[in-house]
Protein backbone atom coordinates (compact mmCIF):
# COMPACT_ATOMS: atom_id res chain seq x y z
CA MET A 1 1.63 16.37 18.64
CA ASP A 2 -0.51 13.48 17.44
CA GLU A 3 0.65 9.99 18.27
CA TYR A 4 1.24 7.81 15.21
CA GLU A 5 -0.03 4.23 15.42
CA LYS A 6 0.22 1.34 12.98
CA VAL A 7 -2.69 1.29 10.52
CA ASP A 8 -1.96 -1.69 8.26
CA VAL A 9 0.77 -3.86 6.74
CA LEU A 10 1.70 -3.11 3.13
CA ASP A 11 2.28 -5.96 0.69
CA ASN A 12 4.95 -4.53 -1.60
CA ASP A 13 6.89 -1.47 -2.72
CA PHE A 14 4.38 -0.60 -5.44
CA GLU A 15 1.47 -0.58 -2.98
CA ALA A 16 3.52 1.53 -0.55
CA GLN A 17 4.42 4.12 -3.20
CA LEU A 18 0.87 4.34 -4.48
CA LEU A 19 -0.62 4.74 -1.00
CA ASP A 20 2.03 7.32 -0.08
CA SER A 21 1.16 9.31 -3.19
CA VAL A 22 -2.59 9.30 -2.44
CA LEU A 23 -2.08 10.23 1.21
CA ASN A 24 0.26 13.08 0.28
CA GLU A 25 -2.23 14.34 -2.30
CA ARG A 26 -5.00 14.36 0.34
CA GLU A 27 -2.64 15.89 2.92
CA ILE A 28 -3.18 13.02 5.37
CA PRO A 29 -0.31 12.82 7.89
CA HIS A 30 1.39 9.42 7.79
CA LEU A 31 4.66 7.54 8.06
CA MET A 32 5.75 4.65 5.87
CA ARG A 33 8.10 2.12 7.48
CA SER A 34 9.85 -0.56 5.45
CA PHE A 35 10.78 -3.91 7.02
CA HIS A 36 13.86 -4.08 4.76
CA ASP A 37 17.04 -4.82 6.67
CA THR A 38 20.30 -4.61 4.74
CA ALA A 39 22.00 -7.05 7.12
CA PHE A 40 19.47 -9.73 6.14
CA ASP A 41 18.97 -8.53 2.53
CA GLY A 42 15.22 -8.00 2.89
CA LEU A 43 14.52 -11.43 4.41
CA PHE A 44 11.83 -10.06 6.72
CA GLN A 45 9.90 -8.52 3.82
CA THR A 46 9.14 -11.98 2.44
CA GLN A 47 7.73 -13.02 5.81
CA LYS A 48 6.08 -9.85 7.13
CA GLY A 49 5.23 -7.84 4.02
CA TRP A 50 6.93 -4.73 2.66
CA GLY A 51 6.34 -2.64 5.78
CA HIS A 52 3.50 -0.69 7.36
CA VAL A 53 1.82 2.68 7.36
CA SER A 54 1.30 4.62 10.60
CA ALA A 55 -0.90 7.65 11.23
CA PRO A 56 -2.79 9.48 13.97
CA GLY A 57 -5.86 7.53 15.11
CA GLU A 58 -8.33 9.95 13.57
CA TYR A 59 -7.10 9.02 10.06
CA HIS A 60 -7.04 5.21 10.42
CA GLU A 61 -10.46 4.51 8.91
CA GLU A 62 -9.85 6.81 5.95
CA ILE A 63 -6.47 5.22 5.25
CA LYS A 64 -7.92 1.70 5.51
CA GLU A 65 -10.65 2.67 3.05
CA ILE A 66 -8.10 4.12 0.59
CA LEU A 67 -5.89 1.04 0.92
CA GLY A 68 -8.87 -1.25 0.38
CA ASP A 69 -9.80 0.67 -2.77
CA LEU A 70 -6.21 0.43 -4.07
CA ARG A 71 -6.08 -3.30 -3.38
CA SER A 72 -9.42 -4.03 -5.02
CA ALA A 73 -8.44 -1.98 -8.08
CA SER A 74 -5.12 -3.81 -8.42
CA SER A 75 -6.65 -7.27 -8.00
CA GLY A 76 -9.46 -6.67 -10.49
CA PRO A 77 -9.58 -8.46 -13.82
CA ASP A 78 -7.02 -7.24 -16.32
CA ASN A 79 -8.53 -7.81 -19.72
CA SER A 80 -6.08 -5.66 -21.65
CA GLU A 81 -3.77 -8.56 -22.55
CA ASP A 82 -6.46 -11.23 -22.89
CA GLN A 83 -8.44 -9.51 -25.60
CA THR A 84 -7.99 -10.90 -29.06
CA GLU A 85 -9.60 -9.72 -32.19
CA GLY A 86 -12.04 -12.05 -33.87
CA PRO A 87 -12.22 -12.77 -37.56
CA GLY A 88 -13.19 -9.90 -39.41
């Protein structure tokens, strides 16, 4: 059995769900761990991030690349709301 090791910290629930979906689609073995603690009502998530993704070492680089692509796509300019129609 492969040993799962921490790959990266995830920023929020949306990022975690999106990454989980992509990894499942590509059949990459992984575990998602949330830092949410009901006793502290999610206090640690504001300090440490949503949680982290773990995987066997051989998949770390691929997962980091996928996560980097997801983050760059989500932080790109969103012009859909800023566009206004000129006189016409």
